[in-house]
C-alpha atoms as a PDB file:
ATOM      1  CA  MET A   1      44.314  47.409 -33.848  1.00  0.00           C
ATOM      2  CA  ASN A   2      42.292  50.402 -33.854  1.00  0.00           C
ATOM      3  CA  SER A   3      43.087  50.877 -30.198  1.00  0.00           C
ATOM      4  CA  ALA A   4      46.906  50.973 -31.336  1.00  0.00           C
ATOM      5  CA  GLY A   5      46.107  53.739 -33.718  1.00  0.00           C
ATOM      6  CA  VAL A   6      45.722  51.869 -36.920  1.00  0.00           C
ATOM      7  CA  LYS A   7      42.935  53.095 -38.993  1.00  0.00           C
ATOM      8  CA  PRO A   8      40.369  50.676 -40.754  1.00  0.00           C
ATOM      9  CA  LYS A   9      41.570  51.992 -44.220  1.00  0.00           C
ATOM     10  CA  GLU A  10      45.027  50.810 -43.255  1.00  0.00           C
ATOM     11  CA  ILE A  11      44.142  47.219 -42.624  1.00  0.00           C
ATOM     12  CA  VAL A  12      44.075  44.842 -45.448  1.00  0.00           C
ATOM     13  CA  VAL A  13      42.509  41.220 -44.907  1.00  0.00           C
ATOM     14  CA  TYR A  14      44.103  38.791 -47.289  1.00  0.00           C
ATOM     15  CA  ASP A  15      43.188  35.145 -48.335  1.00  0.00           C
ATOM     16  CA  ARG A  16      45.061  33.485 -51.265  1.00  0.00           C
ATOM     17  CA  TYR A  17      41.701  32.734 -52.950  1.00  0.00           C
ATOM     18  CA  ARG A  18      38.780  35.312 -53.383  1.00  0.00           C
ATOM     19  CA  GLN A  19      36.202  32.684 -53.741  1.00  0.00           C
ATOM     20  CA  GLN A  20      36.894  30.777 -50.639  1.00  0.00           C
ATOM     21  CA  PHE A  21      37.095  33.825 -48.760  1.00  0.00           C
ATOM     22  CA  ILE A  22      33.692  34.886 -49.919  1.00  0.00           C
ATOM     23  CA  ARG A  23      32.299  31.389 -49.353  1.00  0.00           C
ATOM     24  CA  ALA A  24      33.379  31.328 -45.844  1.00  0.00           C
ATOM     25  CA  GLY A  25      31.683  34.704 -45.130  1.00  0.00           C
ATOM     26  CA  PHE A  26      34.564  36.372 -44.018  1.00  0.00           C
ATOM     27  CA  ASP A  27      33.785  39.642 -45.881  1.00  0.00           C
ATOM     28  CA  LYS A  28      30.788  40.175 -43.814  1.00  0.00           C
ATOM     29  CA  TRP A  29      32.741  40.299 -40.582  1.00  0.00           C
ATOM     30  CA  LEU A  30      34.988  43.106 -41.589  1.00  0.00           C
ATOM     31  CA  PRO A  31      34.517  46.517 -40.070  1.00  0.00           C
ATOM     32  CA  GLU A  32      33.663  49.484 -42.467  1.00  0.00           C
ATOM     33  CA  GLY A  33      36.549  50.549 -44.244  1.00  0.00           C
ATOM     34  CA  VAL A  34      38.811  47.592 -43.883  1.00  0.00           C
ATOM     35  CA  ARG A  35      40.190  46.515 -47.256  1.00  0.00           C
ATOM     36  CA  THR A  36      40.492  42.911 -48.749  1.00  0.00           C
ATOM     37  CA  ALA A  37      43.140  41.485 -51.052  1.00  0.00           C
ATOM     38  CA  TYR A  38      43.529  38.117 -52.966  1.00  0.00           C
ATOM     39  CA  ALA A  39      46.225  36.584 -55.085  1.00  0.00           C
ATOM     40  CA  ALA A  40      43.820  34.408 -57.110  1.00  0.00           C
ATOM     41  CA  GLU A  41      40.205  33.944 -57.882  1.00  0.00           C
ATOM     42  CA  ASP A  42      39.831  30.371 -56.669  1.00  0.00           C
ATOM     43  CA  TYR A  43      41.914  27.098 -56.189  1.00  0.00           C
ATOM     44  CA  GLU A  44      43.274  25.362 -59.146  1.00  0.00           C
ATOM     45  CA  GLU A  45      45.626  22.341 -59.220  1.00  0.00           C
ATOM     46  CA  ILE A  46      48.663  23.581 -61.297  1.00  0.00           C
ATOM     47  CA  GLN A  47      48.963  27.187 -59.464  1.00  0.00           C
ATOM     48  CA  GLN A  48      51.485  28.686 -61.802  1.00  0.00           C
ATOM     49  CA  ALA A  49      49.603  31.693 -62.916  1.00  0.00           C
ATOM     50  CA  ILE A  50      51.620  34.733 -62.091  1.00  0.00           C
ATOM     51  CA  GLU A  51      48.691  37.263 -62.124  1.00  0.00           C
ATOM     52  CA  GLY A  52      48.321  38.490 -58.606  1.00  0.00           C
ATOM     53  CA  TYR A  53      51.825  37.814 -57.620  1.00  0.00           C
ATOM     54  CA  ASP A  54      55.095  39.809 -57.821  1.00  0.00           C
ATOM     55  CA  PRO A  55      57.578  38.883 -60.374  1.00  0.00           C
ATOM     56  CA  ASP A  56      60.386  40.538 -58.581  1.00  0.00           C
ATOM     57  CA  HIS A  57      60.004  38.284 -55.403  1.00  0.00           C
ATOM     58  CA  PHE A  58      60.143  34.632 -55.719  1.00  0.00           C
ATOM     59  CA  MET A  59      61.617  31.394 -54.186  1.00  0.00           C
ATOM     60  CA  ASP A  60      63.686  29.306 -56.632  1.00  0.00           C
ATOM     61  CA  MET A  61      63.939  25.569 -55.910  1.00  0.00           C
ATOM     62  CA  ALA A  62      64.902  22.719 -58.156  1.00  0.00           C
ATOM     63  CA  LEU A  63      61.468  20.904 -57.495  1.00  0.00           C
ATOM     64  CA  THR A  64      58.437  20.703 -60.079  1.00  0.00           C
ATOM     65  CA  ARG A  65      55.306  18.947 -60.415  1.00  0.00           C
ATOM     66  CA  PRO A  66      55.617  15.550 -62.200  1.00  0.00           C
ATOM     67  CA  GLY A  67      56.092  16.100 -66.024  1.00  0.00           C
ATOM     68  CA  TYR A  68      57.527  19.822 -65.863  1.00  0.00           C
ATOM     69  CA  ASP A  69      61.100  20.378 -66.687  1.00  0.00           C
ATOM     70  CA  VAL A  70      63.247  21.598 -63.775  1.00  0.00           C
ATOM     71  CA  GLY A  71      64.740  23.918 -66.205  1.00  0.00           C
ATOM     72  CA  ASN A  72      61.459  25.855 -66.565  1.00  0.00           C
ATOM     73  CA  LEU A  73      61.583  28.817 -64.256  1.00  0.00           C
ATOM     74  CA  THR A  74      57.847  29.195 -64.097  1.00  0.00           C
ATOM     75  CA  ALA A  75      57.628  25.335 -62.768  1.00  0.00           C
ATOM     76  CA  ARG A  76      60.498  25.738 -60.384  1.00  0.00           C
ATOM     77  CA  ARG A  77      59.774  29.224 -58.843  1.00  0.00           C
ATOM     78  CA  SER A  78      57.047  30.300 -56.266  1.00  0.00           C
ATOM     79  CA  TYR A  79      56.202  33.984 -56.663  1.00  0.00           C
ATOM     80  CA  ALA A  80      55.044  36.049 -53.615  1.00  0.00           C
ATOM     81  CA  ALA A  81      51.652  37.640 -53.501  1.00  0.00           C
ATOM     82  CA  ARG A  82      51.702  41.214 -54.274  1.00  0.00           C
ATOM     83  CA  PHE A  83      49.505  41.569 -51.203  1.00  0.00           C
ATOM     84  CA  ILE A  84      52.698  40.989 -49.075  1.00  0.00           C
ATOM     85  CA  THR A  85      55.218  42.641 -51.380  1.00  0.00           C
ATOM     86  CA  LYS A  86      53.179  45.954 -52.180  1.00  0.00           C
ATOM     87  CA  ASP A  87      50.014  46.254 -49.905  1.00  0.00           C
ATOM     88  CA  VAL A  88      51.277  45.962 -46.403  1.00  0.00           C
ATOM     89  CA  ASN A  89      54.401  46.753 -44.243  1.00  0.00           C
ATOM     90  CA  LYS A  90      53.449  44.379 -41.412  1.00  0.00           C
ATOM     91  CA  LEU A  91      51.714  40.978 -41.257  1.00  0.00           C
ATOM     92  CA  ILE A  92      49.477  39.357 -38.723  1.00  0.00           C
ATOM     93  CA  ASN A  93      49.132  35.680 -39.477  1.00  0.00           C
ATOM     94  CA  LEU A  94      45.972  33.981 -38.662  1.00  0.00           C
ATOM     95  CA  PRO A  95      46.419  30.141 -38.783  1.00  0.00           C
ATOM     96  CA  VAL A  96      44.128  27.439 -37.290  1.00  0.00           C
ATOM     97  CA  LEU A  97      45.020  24.127 -35.307  1.00  0.00           C
ATOM     98  CA  LYS A  98      45.076  21.598 -38.108  1.00  0.00           C
ATOM     99  CA  ASP A  99      46.764  18.223 -38.945  1.00  0.00           C
ATOM    100  CA  HIS A 100      47.898  17.813 -42.493  1.00  0.00           C
ATOM    101  CA  GLN A 101      48.711  14.475 -44.166  1.00  0.00           C
ATOM    102  CA  SER A 102      51.800  15.765 -46.079  1.00  0.00           C
ATOM    103  CA  ALA A 103      53.290  18.471 -43.993  1.00  0.00           C
ATOM    104  CA  GLY A 104      52.381  16.990 -40.735  1.00  0.00           C
ATOM    105  CA  VAL A 105      50.679  20.075 -39.528  1.00  0.00           C
ATOM    106  CA  THR A 106      49.244  23.234 -40.880  1.00  0.00           C
ATOM    107  CA  LEU A 107      49.989  25.991 -38.305  1.00  0.00           C
ATOM    108  CA  ALA A 108      51.879  29.263 -38.533  1.00  0.00           C
ATOM    109  CA  LEU A 109      54.660  28.412 -40.889  1.00  0.00           C
ATOM    110  CA  LYS A 110      52.637  26.396 -43.531  1.00  0.00           C
ATOM    111  CA  ASN A 111      49.962  29.142 -43.415  1.00  0.00           C
ATOM    112  CA  MET A 112      52.572  31.494 -44.761  1.00  0.00           C
ATOM    113  CA  SER A 113      54.439  29.189 -47.101  1.00  0.00           C
ATOM    114  CA  HIS A 114      51.432  27.875 -48.783  1.00  0.00           C
ATOM    115  CA  GLY A 115      49.062  31.023 -48.593  1.00  0.00           C
ATOM    116  CA  LEU A 116      51.578  33.851 -49.698  1.00  0.00           C
ATOM    117  CA  VAL A 117      53.204  32.324 -52.939  1.00  0.00           C
ATOM    118  CA  ASN A 118      51.989  30.364 -55.959  1.00  0.00           C
ATOM    119  CA  ASN A 119      53.010  27.080 -57.220  1.00  0.00           C
ATOM    120  CA  VAL A 120      52.846  25.348 -53.920  1.00  0.00           C
ATOM    121  CA  SER A 121      51.301  21.979 -55.124  1.00  0.00           C
ATOM    122  CA  ARG A 122      54.853  20.988 -56.009  1.00  0.00           C
ATOM    123  CA  SER A 123      55.762  20.655 -52.447  1.00  0.00           C
ATOM    124  CA  HIS A 124      53.442  17.621 -52.131  1.00  0.00           C
ATOM    125  CA  SER A 125      52.304  16.640 -55.556  1.00  0.00           C
ATOM    126  CA  THR A 126      51.849  12.965 -54.803  1.00  0.00           C
ATOM    127  CA  ILE A 127      51.873  10.800 -51.495  1.00  0.00           C
ATOM    128  CA  THR A 128      55.521   9.935 -51.912  1.00  0.00           C
ATOM    129  CA  ALA A 129      56.805  13.110 -53.486  1.00  0.00           C
ATOM    130  CA  ASN A 130      56.695  15.163 -50.354  1.00  0.00           C
ATOM    131  CA  ALA A 131      59.231  18.086 -50.097  1.00  0.00           C
ATOM    132  CA  CYS A 132      57.354  20.094 -47.368  1.00  0.00           C
ATOM    133  CA  GLY A 133      60.370  19.906 -45.081  1.00  0.00           C
ATOM    134  CA  SER A 134      62.331  21.921 -47.597  1.00  0.00           C
ATOM    135  CA  PHE A 135      59.768  24.044 -49.351  1.00  0.00           C
ATOM    136  CA  ILE A 136      58.188  25.520 -46.222  1.00  0.00           C
ATOM    137  CA  PRO A 137      61.262  26.961 -44.593  1.00  0.00           C
ATOM    138  CA  ALA A 138      62.650  28.153 -47.975  1.00  0.00           C
ATOM    139  CA  VAL A 139      59.304  30.197 -48.502  1.00  0.00           C
ATOM    140  CA  VAL A 140      59.059  31.655 -45.147  1.00  0.00           C
ATOM    141  CA  SER A 141      62.817  32.848 -45.303  1.00  0.00           C
ATOM    142  CA  MET A 142      62.130  35.043 -48.209  1.00  0.00           C
ATOM    143  CA  PRO A 143      62.946  38.563 -46.781  1.00  0.00           C
ATOM    144  CA  VAL A 144      59.597  40.046 -48.016  1.00  0.00           C
ATOM    145  CA  ILE A 145      57.798  37.336 -45.742  1.00  0.00           C
ATOM    146  CA  ARG A 146      60.107  36.823 -42.785  1.00  0.00           C
ATOM    147  CA  ASN A 147      60.721  40.543 -42.086  1.00  0.00           C
ATOM    148  CA  LYS A 148      56.953  41.433 -42.288  1.00  0.00           C
ATOM    149  CA  ALA A 149      55.535  38.831 -40.137  1.00  0.00           C
ATOM    150  CA  VAL A 150      55.319  40.299 -36.725  1.00  0.00           C
ATOM    151  CA  LEU A 151      52.653  38.575 -34.988  1.00  0.00           C
ATOM    152  CA  HIS A 152      50.779  34.974 -35.217  1.00  0.00           C
ATOM    153  CA  ILE A 153      47.499  34.322 -33.639  1.00  0.00           C
ATOM    154  CA  LEU A 154      46.440  30.678 -33.951  1.00  0.00           C
ATOM    155  CA  ASP A 155      42.726  29.718 -33.399  1.00  0.00           C
ATOM    156  CA  GLY A 156      42.966  26.662 -31.289  1.00  0.00           C
ATOM    157  CA  ILE A 157      39.309  26.778 -29.833  1.00  0.00           C
ATOM    158  CA  LYS A 158      38.595  23.644 -32.120  1.00  0.00           C
ATOM    159  CA  GLY A 159      41.546  21.418 -33.516  1.00  0.00           C
ATOM    160  CA  LEU A 160      41.683  19.000 -36.340  1.00  0.00           C
ATOM    161  CA  TYR A 161      44.093  16.019 -35.105  1.00  0.00           C
ATOM    162  CA  HIS A 162      43.718  13.755 -38.054  1.00  0.00           C
ATOM    163  CA  GLY A 163      42.777  13.744 -41.754  1.00  0.00           C
ATOM    164  CA  GLY A 164      43.898  17.053 -42.867  1.00  0.00           C
ATOM    165  CA  PRO A 165      43.963  19.436 -44.549  1.00  0.00           C
ATOM    166  CA  GLY A 166      40.147  18.961 -45.112  1.00  0.00           C
ATOM    167  CA  THR A 167      38.088  18.980 -42.133  1.00  0.00           C
ATOM    168  CA  LYS A 168      36.686  15.510 -41.156  1.00  0.00           C
ATOM    169  CA  PRO A 169      34.136  16.141 -38.234  1.00  0.00           C
ATOM    170  CA  GLN A 170      34.930  12.848 -36.501  1.00  0.00           C
ATOM    171  CA  PHE A 171      38.563  14.226 -36.018  1.00  0.00           C
ATOM    172  CA  VAL A 172      37.609  17.693 -34.650  1.00  0.00           C
ATOM    173  CA  TRP A 173      38.015  18.251 -30.977  1.00  0.00           C
ATOM    174  CA  GLU A 174      37.395  21.041 -28.607  1.00  0.00           C
ATOM    175  CA  HIS A 175      40.859  22.523 -27.511  1.00  0.00           C
ATOM    176  CA  TYR A 176      39.610  25.801 -26.028  1.00  0.00           C
ATOM    177  CA  THR A 177      42.919  27.622 -26.651  1.00  0.00           C
ATOM    178  CA  MET A 178      44.181  30.631 -28.518  1.00  0.00           C
ATOM    179  CA  TYR A 179      47.960  30.920 -29.177  1.00  0.00           C
ATOM    180  CA  PHE A 180      49.944  34.202 -29.557  1.00  0.00           C
ATOM    181  CA  ALA A 181      53.521  34.408 -30.650  1.00  0.00           C
ATOM    182  CA  THR A 182      56.086  36.474 -32.553  1.00  0.00           C
ATOM    183  CA  ASP A 183      58.072  33.416 -33.221  1.00  0.00           C
ATOM    184  CA  PRO A 184      56.258  31.163 -35.778  1.00  0.00           C
ATOM    185  CA  VAL A 185      58.673  28.103 -35.070  1.00  0.00           C
ATOM    186  CA  ALA A 186      58.028  28.266 -31.281  1.00  0.00           C
ATOM    187  CA  LEU A 187      54.335  28.524 -31.817  1.00  0.00           C
ATOM    188  CA  ASP A 188      54.279  25.496 -34.310  1.00  0.00           C
ATOM    189  CA  ARG A 189      56.202  23.462 -31.763  1.00  0.00           C
ATOM    190  CA  MET A 190      53.683  24.271 -28.966  1.00  0.00           C
ATOM    191  CA  ALA A 191      50.600  23.585 -31.257  1.00  0.00           C
ATOM    192  CA  TRP A 192      52.176  20.486 -32.936  1.00  0.00           C
ATOM    193  CA  LYS A 193      52.695  19.102 -29.141  1.00  0.00           C
ATOM    194  CA  ALA A 194      48.831  19.660 -28.586  1.00  0.00           C
ATOM    195  CA  ILE A 195      47.944  17.789 -31.798  1.00  0.00           C
ATOM    196  CA  ASP A 196      50.270  14.935 -30.720  1.00  0.00           C
ATOM    197  CA  GLU A 197      48.919  14.850 -27.271  1.00  0.00           C
ATOM    198  CA  LYS A 198      45.303  14.562 -28.658  1.00  0.00           C
ATOM    199  CA  ARG A 199      46.349  11.802 -31.129  1.00  0.00           C
ATOM    200  CA  LEU A 200      48.102   9.710 -28.367  1.00  0.00           C
ATOM    201  CA  ALA A 201      44.837  10.272 -26.148  1.00  0.00           C
ATOM    202  CA  VAL A 202      42.693   8.530 -28.917  1.00  0.00           C
ATOM    203  CA  GLY A 203      45.286   5.758 -29.576  1.00  0.00           C
ATOM    204  CA  MET A 204      46.992   7.135 -32.683  1.00  0.00           C
ATOM    205  CA  LYS A 205      50.642   7.596 -33.137  1.00  0.00           C
ATOM    206  CA  ARG A 206      52.563  10.921 -33.208  1.00  0.00           C
ATOM    207  CA  ILE A 207      52.425  12.950 -36.231  1.00  0.00           C
ATOM    208  CA  ALA A 208      56.159  12.290 -36.937  1.00  0.00           C
ATOM    209  CA  GLY A 209      55.564   8.505 -36.441  1.00  0.00           C
ATOM    210  CA  ARG A 210      52.775   7.701 -38.511  1.00  0.00           C
END
């Protein structure tokens, strides 16, 4: 980015949860002058707090966590992080190659849909109440996300082919691949194929068939 003329002070590195970013040590990797941004202090189950999010940009869907009234706007909306609405004009998305027990995979699309808005747990609040197939495209279709996401770089040096989203060492494999794309749908299709190939190689079903 520097070689393209982007100064460090013009770069903002974002993670939805500040504590997870710090615990991972990402702050120690950043060049001097690069800024950081977060939407929330740390993970919590309900995820409906508006602090750190923009009240003017949201995705409204008649879907709530169990026990919440669908007429409650806070419960049925996911608000975009101020990072994406206010801090930057372009987004480089940095997902990893990972299985997900509810969504199927966590790649470029889910990295944005569940990292850039609040109130995401309603998309898979229980094993049977899984609405990721509707929730993910609805979020990434928000203009403030869709129009700013210009590049997706997926780290597939190592991959997780089962048991996600949490990392389980027995399901991690060496894939030795980095993926670059301007189209997150195309990227997800290729990376999903790589996970399926690994699952078949170890005797598991394809993601869509499990």
